[in-house]
Amino acid sequence: MSVETTPEAQATTLAEELGEAITELPAYGAFIEAKEAIETDRQLQREMESFERLREEFLMAREAGTASNDDFRELQAAQEELHDNAKMAEYLRAKSDVELQLQEIDYIISEPLEVEFGQTAGGCCQD
């Protein structure tokens, strides 16, 4: 007895297989390792939280019209210091690498379609 598969069922199966294949990419593995490294580093987490507070304060000051160039330079210096951390630098490199591979996959999927797959799948409404 043969089972009929609908185009929707085939697409779902292929999407699941693609997701599984992506998790096997070396770039994805490196990203997960780097992500876990920054998530388990308590000192780095505190530095990230401190930077995020500074960034939020700057954004609120900018919105209120009270942010200065010195405030912006302070924010940039804090970001550079955070990015100079070896674990953070590795995370950012790994994240960029996996994003590039995902963009390539998106391009390949989108090529035969009349819409960009990644943007459409992401739920963005762009005309």
N, C-alpha and C. Protein backbone atom coordinates (compact mmCIF):
# COMPACT_ATOMS: atom_id res chain seq x y z
N MET A 1 0.85 -1.17 0.00
CA MET A 1 0.00 0.00 0.00
C MET A 1 0.90 1.23 0.00
N SER A 2 0.69 2.12 -0.97
CA SER A 2 1.50 3.33 -1.04
C SER A 2 0.80 4.48 -0.33
N VAL A 3 1.61 5.29 0.26
CA VAL A 3 1.08 6.45 0.97
C VAL A 3 1.26 7.67 0.08
N GLU A 4 0.17 8.36 -0.16
CA GLU A 4 0.26 9.58 -0.95
C GLU A 4 0.82 10.68 -0.08
N THR A 5 1.75 11.42 -0.65
CA THR A 5 2.27 12.57 0.09
C THR A 5 1.87 13.84 -0.63
N THR A 6 1.43 14.76 0.15
CA THR A 6 1.04 16.05 -0.40
C THR A 6 2.28 16.92 -0.54
N PRO A 7 2.19 17.93 -1.37
CA PRO A 7 3.32 18.87 -1.46
C PRO A 7 3.65 19.49 -0.10
N GLU A 8 2.62 19.74 0.70
CA GLU A 8 2.84 20.31 2.03
C GLU A 8 3.63 19.35 2.92
N ALA A 9 3.26 18.07 2.88
CA ALA A 9 3.95 17.06 3.68
C ALA A 9 5.39 16.90 3.20
N GLN A 10 5.60 16.92 1.89
CA GLN A 10 6.95 16.83 1.35
C GLN A 10 7.78 18.03 1.78
N ALA A 11 7.20 19.21 1.71
CA ALA A 11 7.92 20.43 2.11
C ALA A 11 8.28 20.38 3.59
N THR A 12 7.36 19.89 4.41
CA THR A 12 7.63 19.77 5.85
C THR A 12 8.76 18.79 6.10
N THR A 13 8.74 17.67 5.43
CA THR A 13 9.80 16.67 5.60
C THR A 13 11.14 17.24 5.16
N LEU A 14 11.16 17.92 4.02
CA LEU A 14 12.41 18.52 3.54
C LEU A 14 12.91 19.60 4.50
N ALA A 15 11.99 20.39 5.05
CA ALA A 15 12.38 21.44 6.00
C ALA A 15 12.99 20.83 7.26
N GLU A 16 12.39 19.74 7.74
CA GLU A 16 12.94 19.06 8.91
C GLU A 16 14.33 18.50 8.62
N GLU A 17 14.49 17.92 7.45
CA GLU A 17 15.79 17.38 7.05
C GLU A 17 16.83 18.50 6.91
N LEU A 18 16.40 19.63 6.37
CA LEU A 18 17.30 20.77 6.23
C LEU A 18 17.73 21.27 7.61
N GLY A 19 16.78 21.39 8.52
CA GLY A 19 17.10 21.82 9.88
C GLY A 19 18.11 20.89 10.53
N GLU A 20 17.90 19.60 10.38
CA GLU A 20 18.83 18.62 10.94
C GLU A 20 20.21 18.74 10.28
N ALA A 21 20.23 18.92 8.97
CA ALA A 21 21.50 19.06 8.25
C ALA A 21 22.25 20.31 8.70
N ILE A 22 21.53 21.39 8.92
CA ILE A 22 22.16 22.63 9.38
C ILE A 22 22.84 22.42 10.72
N THR A 23 22.19 21.66 11.61
CA THR A 23 22.80 21.42 12.93
C THR A 23 24.08 20.61 12.82
N GLU A 24 24.32 19.99 11.70
CA GLU A 24 25.55 19.20 11.51
C GLU A 24 26.66 19.99 10.82
N LEU A 25 26.38 21.22 10.42
CA LEU A 25 27.41 22.05 9.80
C LEU A 25 28.48 22.39 10.83
N PRO A 26 29.75 22.33 10.43
CA PRO A 26 30.82 22.73 11.37
C PRO A 26 30.64 24.16 11.90
N ALA A 27 30.17 25.07 11.05
CA ALA A 27 29.97 26.46 11.48
C ALA A 27 28.89 26.53 12.56
N TYR A 28 27.87 25.71 12.44
CA TYR A 28 26.80 25.70 13.45
C TYR A 28 27.33 25.14 14.76
N GLY A 29 28.10 24.07 14.67
CA GLY A 29 28.69 23.48 15.88
C GLY A 29 29.61 24.47 16.59
N ALA A 30 30.41 25.19 15.82
CA ALA A 30 31.31 26.19 16.40
C ALA A 30 30.50 27.31 17.06
N PHE A 31 29.40 27.70 16.43
CA PHE A 31 28.54 28.73 17.00
C PHE A 31 27.95 28.27 18.33
N ILE A 32 27.44 27.06 18.38
CA ILE A 32 26.83 26.55 19.61
C ILE A 32 27.88 26.48 20.72
N GLU A 33 29.08 26.01 20.40
CA GLU A 33 30.15 25.94 21.40
C GLU A 33 30.50 27.33 21.92
N ALA A 34 30.63 28.29 21.02
CA ALA A 34 30.98 29.66 21.41
C ALA A 34 29.86 30.29 22.23
N LYS A 35 28.63 30.00 21.86
CA LYS A 35 27.47 30.53 22.59
C LYS A 35 27.45 29.98 24.01
N GLU A 36 27.68 28.69 24.14
CA GLU A 36 27.71 28.07 25.47
C GLU A 36 28.86 28.63 26.31
N ALA A 37 29.98 28.93 25.66
CA ALA A 37 31.14 29.47 26.38
C ALA A 37 30.82 30.84 26.97
N ILE A 38 30.13 31.68 26.24
CA ILE A 38 29.82 33.01 26.80
C ILE A 38 28.68 32.93 27.81
N GLU A 39 27.76 31.98 27.60
CA GLU A 39 26.63 31.84 28.53
C GLU A 39 27.05 31.29 29.88
N THR A 40 28.13 30.53 29.93
CA THR A 40 28.56 29.93 31.19
C THR A 40 29.67 30.71 31.88
N ASP A 41 30.13 31.78 31.27
CA ASP A 41 31.17 32.62 31.87
C ASP A 41 30.48 33.73 32.68
N ARG A 42 30.45 33.56 33.99
CA ARG A 42 29.71 34.50 34.84
C ARG A 42 30.26 35.92 34.74
N GLN A 43 31.58 36.05 34.72
CA GLN A 43 32.18 37.38 34.62
C GLN A 43 31.79 38.05 33.31
N LEU A 44 31.85 37.30 32.24
CA LEU A 44 31.48 37.85 30.93
C LEU A 44 30.00 38.21 30.91
N GLN A 45 29.17 37.41 31.54
CA GLN A 45 27.74 37.72 31.61
C GLN A 45 27.51 39.04 32.35
N ARG A 46 28.25 39.27 33.42
CA ARG A 46 28.13 40.53 34.15
C ARG A 46 28.58 41.71 33.27
N GLU A 47 29.66 41.50 32.52
CA GLU A 47 30.14 42.55 31.61
C GLU A 47 29.10 42.84 30.53
N MET A 48 28.48 41.80 30.02
CA MET A 48 27.45 41.98 28.99
C MET A 48 26.25 42.72 29.56
N GLU A 49 25.85 42.38 30.78
CA GLU A 49 24.72 43.06 31.42
C GLU A 49 25.06 44.53 31.66
N SER A 50 26.28 44.80 32.09
CA SER A 50 26.73 46.18 32.33
C SER A 50 26.70 46.98 31.02
N PHE A 51 27.20 46.37 29.96
CA PHE A 51 27.17 47.04 28.66
C PHE A 51 25.74 47.29 28.22
N GLU A 52 24.88 46.30 28.40
CA GLU A 52 23.48 46.46 27.97
C GLU A 52 22.80 47.60 28.74
N ARG A 53 23.08 47.73 30.04
CA ARG A 53 22.53 48.84 30.82
C ARG A 53 23.03 50.18 30.26
N LEU A 54 24.33 50.24 29.98
CA LEU A 54 24.92 51.46 29.43
C LEU A 54 24.28 51.80 28.08
N ARG A 55 24.06 50.79 27.26
CA ARG A 55 23.44 50.99 25.95
C ARG A 55 22.01 51.50 26.09
N GLU A 56 21.27 50.90 27.00
CA GLU A 56 19.88 51.34 27.24
C GLU A 56 19.85 52.79 27.73
N GLU A 57 20.76 53.12 28.64
CA GLU A 57 20.83 54.49 29.15
C GLU A 57 21.14 55.46 28.01
N PHE A 58 22.06 55.07 27.15
CA PHE A 58 22.41 55.92 26.02
C PHE A 58 21.21 56.11 25.09
N LEU A 59 20.51 55.01 24.79
CA LEU A 59 19.36 55.10 23.89
C LEU A 59 18.27 55.98 24.47
N MET A 60 18.04 55.88 25.78
CA MET A 60 17.03 56.73 26.41
C MET A 60 17.48 58.20 26.37
N ALA A 61 18.77 58.44 26.63
CA ALA A 61 19.28 59.81 26.58
C ALA A 61 19.20 60.37 25.16
N ARG A 62 19.49 59.54 24.19
CA ARG A 62 19.41 59.98 22.79
C ARG A 62 17.96 60.33 22.43
N GLU A 63 17.04 59.48 22.88
CA GLU A 63 15.64 59.73 22.60
C GLU A 63 15.17 61.02 23.28
N ALA A 64 15.70 61.29 24.47
CA ALA A 64 15.33 62.51 25.20
C ALA A 64 16.09 63.73 24.68
N GLY A 65 17.08 63.48 23.80
CA GLY A 65 17.85 64.58 23.26
C GLY A 65 18.97 65.06 24.17
N THR A 66 19.34 64.23 25.16
CA THR A 66 20.37 64.64 26.11
C THR A 66 21.68 63.87 25.94
N ALA A 67 21.74 62.98 24.97
CA ALA A 67 22.96 62.20 24.75
C ALA A 67 24.03 63.08 24.11
N SER A 68 25.25 62.93 24.59
CA SER A 68 26.35 63.73 24.05
C SER A 68 27.29 62.83 23.25
N ASN A 69 28.21 63.47 22.54
CA ASN A 69 29.23 62.71 21.82
C ASN A 69 30.10 61.93 22.80
N ASP A 70 30.34 62.49 23.97
CA ASP A 70 31.11 61.78 25.00
C ASP A 70 30.38 60.52 25.44
N ASP A 71 29.05 60.61 25.58
CA ASP A 71 28.25 59.43 25.94
C ASP A 71 28.39 58.35 24.87
N PHE A 72 28.35 58.79 23.61
CA PHE A 72 28.48 57.84 22.50
C PHE A 72 29.87 57.20 22.50
N ARG A 73 30.89 57.99 22.70
CA ARG A 73 32.26 57.45 22.75
C ARG A 73 32.43 56.48 23.91
N GLU A 74 31.80 56.77 25.04
CA GLU A 74 31.85 55.87 26.19
C GLU A 74 31.19 54.53 25.85
N LEU A 75 30.06 54.60 25.16
CA LEU A 75 29.36 53.38 24.73
C LEU A 75 30.22 52.59 23.76
N GLN A 76 30.83 53.28 22.79
CA GLN A 76 31.70 52.59 21.82
C GLN A 76 32.88 51.93 22.51
N ALA A 77 33.49 52.62 23.47
CA ALA A 77 34.64 52.06 24.19
C ALA A 77 34.22 50.83 24.98
N ALA A 78 33.06 50.89 25.60
CA ALA A 78 32.57 49.73 26.36
C ALA A 78 32.30 48.55 25.43
N GLN A 79 31.76 48.83 24.25
CA GLN A 79 31.50 47.75 23.28
C GLN A 79 32.82 47.15 22.79
N GLU A 80 33.78 47.99 22.49
CA GLU A 80 35.08 47.49 22.03
C GLU A 80 35.74 46.63 23.10
N GLU A 81 35.65 47.06 24.35
CA GLU A 81 36.22 46.28 25.45
C GLU A 81 35.54 44.93 25.57
N LEU A 82 34.22 44.92 25.45
CA LEU A 82 33.47 43.67 25.51
C LEU A 82 33.85 42.76 24.34
N HIS A 83 33.97 43.32 23.15
CA HIS A 83 34.30 42.53 21.96
C HIS A 83 35.75 42.07 21.96
N ASP A 84 36.60 42.71 22.75
CA ASP A 84 38.00 42.29 22.87
C ASP A 84 38.16 41.03 23.71
N ASN A 85 37.14 40.69 24.49
CA ASN A 85 37.18 39.46 25.27
C ASN A 85 37.28 38.29 24.29
N ALA A 86 38.21 37.37 24.53
CA ALA A 86 38.46 36.26 23.60
C ALA A 86 37.21 35.42 23.35
N LYS A 87 36.45 35.12 24.39
CA LYS A 87 35.24 34.30 24.21
C LYS A 87 34.19 35.06 23.40
N MET A 88 34.06 36.35 23.68
CA MET A 88 33.08 37.15 22.94
C MET A 88 33.51 37.28 21.48
N ALA A 89 34.79 37.50 21.25
CA ALA A 89 35.28 37.62 19.87
C ALA A 89 35.03 36.33 19.10
N GLU A 90 35.26 35.20 19.75
CA GLU A 90 35.02 33.90 19.10
C GLU A 90 33.53 33.71 18.82
N TYR A 91 32.70 34.10 19.77
CA TYR A 91 31.26 34.00 19.58
C TYR A 91 30.81 34.85 18.38
N LEU A 92 31.29 36.08 18.31
CA LEU A 92 30.90 36.97 17.21
C LEU A 92 31.38 36.44 15.87
N ARG A 93 32.59 35.87 15.84
CA ARG A 93 33.11 35.26 14.61
C ARG A 93 32.25 34.06 14.20
N ALA A 94 31.96 33.20 15.18
CA ALA A 94 31.16 32.00 14.89
C ALA A 94 29.75 32.37 14.45
N LYS A 95 29.18 33.38 15.09
CA LYS A 95 27.83 33.83 14.73
C LYS A 95 27.82 34.36 13.29
N SER A 96 28.82 35.14 12.94
CA SER A 96 28.92 35.66 11.58
C SER A 96 29.07 34.53 10.57
N ASP A 97 29.90 33.55 10.88
CA ASP A 97 30.11 32.42 9.97
C ASP A 97 28.83 31.64 9.73
N VAL A 98 28.09 31.34 10.80
CA VAL A 98 26.86 30.57 10.62
C VAL A 98 25.80 31.41 9.92
N GLU A 99 25.75 32.71 10.18
CA GLU A 99 24.80 33.57 9.48
C GLU A 99 25.10 33.62 7.99
N LEU A 100 26.38 33.65 7.63
CA LEU A 100 26.74 33.64 6.21
C LEU A 100 26.29 32.35 5.54
N GLN A 101 26.49 31.23 6.22
CA GLN A 101 26.05 29.96 5.63
C GLN A 101 24.53 29.91 5.50
N LEU A 102 23.83 30.44 6.50
CA LEU A 102 22.37 30.46 6.42
C LEU A 102 21.90 31.38 5.30
N GLN A 103 22.60 32.48 5.07
CA GLN A 103 22.25 33.36 3.96
C GLN A 103 22.45 32.65 2.62
N GLU A 104 23.51 31.86 2.51
CA GLU A 104 23.75 31.10 1.28
C GLU A 104 22.63 30.08 1.06
N ILE A 105 22.22 29.42 2.13
CA ILE A 105 21.12 28.45 2.03
C ILE A 105 19.84 29.17 1.64
N ASP A 106 19.60 30.32 2.25
CA ASP A 106 18.42 31.13 1.93
C ASP A 106 18.42 31.48 0.44
N TYR A 107 19.57 31.88 -0.08
CA TYR A 107 19.67 32.23 -1.49
C TYR A 107 19.32 31.03 -2.38
N ILE A 108 19.84 29.88 -2.04
CA ILE A 108 19.59 28.68 -2.83
C ILE A 108 18.11 28.32 -2.81
N ILE A 109 17.48 28.42 -1.63
CA ILE A 109 16.05 28.12 -1.52
C ILE A 109 15.23 29.18 -2.28
N SER A 110 15.64 30.42 -2.17
CA SER A 110 14.87 31.53 -2.75
C SER A 110 14.98 31.61 -4.27
N GLU A 111 16.06 31.08 -4.81
CA GLU A 111 16.31 31.22 -6.25
C GLU A 111 15.11 30.83 -7.12
N PRO A 112 14.48 29.67 -6.90
CA PRO A 112 13.36 29.33 -7.77
C PRO A 112 12.03 29.98 -7.36
N LEU A 113 12.01 30.67 -6.24
CA LEU A 113 10.78 31.30 -5.75
C LEU A 113 10.70 32.74 -6.22
N GLU A 114 9.54 33.32 -6.11
CA GLU A 114 9.38 34.72 -6.47
C GLU A 114 9.49 35.63 -5.25
N VAL A 115 9.84 35.06 -4.10
CA VAL A 115 10.03 35.81 -2.87
C VAL A 115 11.31 35.34 -2.22
N GLU A 116 11.88 36.21 -1.37
CA GLU A 116 13.07 35.79 -0.64
C GLU A 116 12.61 34.93 0.53
N PHE A 117 13.01 33.68 0.54
CA PHE A 117 12.53 32.70 1.50
C PHE A 117 12.77 33.14 2.95
N GLY A 118 13.98 33.53 3.30
CA GLY A 118 14.31 33.87 4.67
C GLY A 118 13.48 35.02 5.21
N GLN A 119 13.28 36.05 4.42
CA GLN A 119 12.47 37.18 4.87
C GLN A 119 11.01 36.77 5.01
N THR A 120 10.52 35.97 4.08
CA THR A 120 9.14 35.55 4.14
C THR A 120 8.93 34.60 5.32
N ALA A 121 9.85 33.67 5.52
CA ALA A 121 9.74 32.73 6.63
C ALA A 121 9.88 33.44 7.95
N GLY A 122 10.62 34.55 7.96
CA GLY A 122 10.80 35.30 9.19
C GLY A 122 9.59 36.14 9.57
N GLY A 123 8.62 36.21 8.69
CA GLY A 123 7.38 36.91 8.99
C GLY A 123 7.42 38.40 8.70
N CYS A 124 8.48 38.87 8.10
CA CYS A 124 8.56 40.30 7.79
C CYS A 124 7.68 40.61 6.59
N CYS A 125 7.03 41.73 6.66
CA CYS A 125 6.20 42.16 5.53
C CYS A 125 6.94 43.25 4.80
N GLN A 126 7.51 42.90 3.68
CA GLN A 126 8.27 43.87 2.89
C GLN A 126 7.77 43.82 1.46
N ASP A 127 7.50 44.98 0.93
CA ASP A 127 7.05 45.05 -0.47
C ASP A 127 8.14 45.62 -1.33
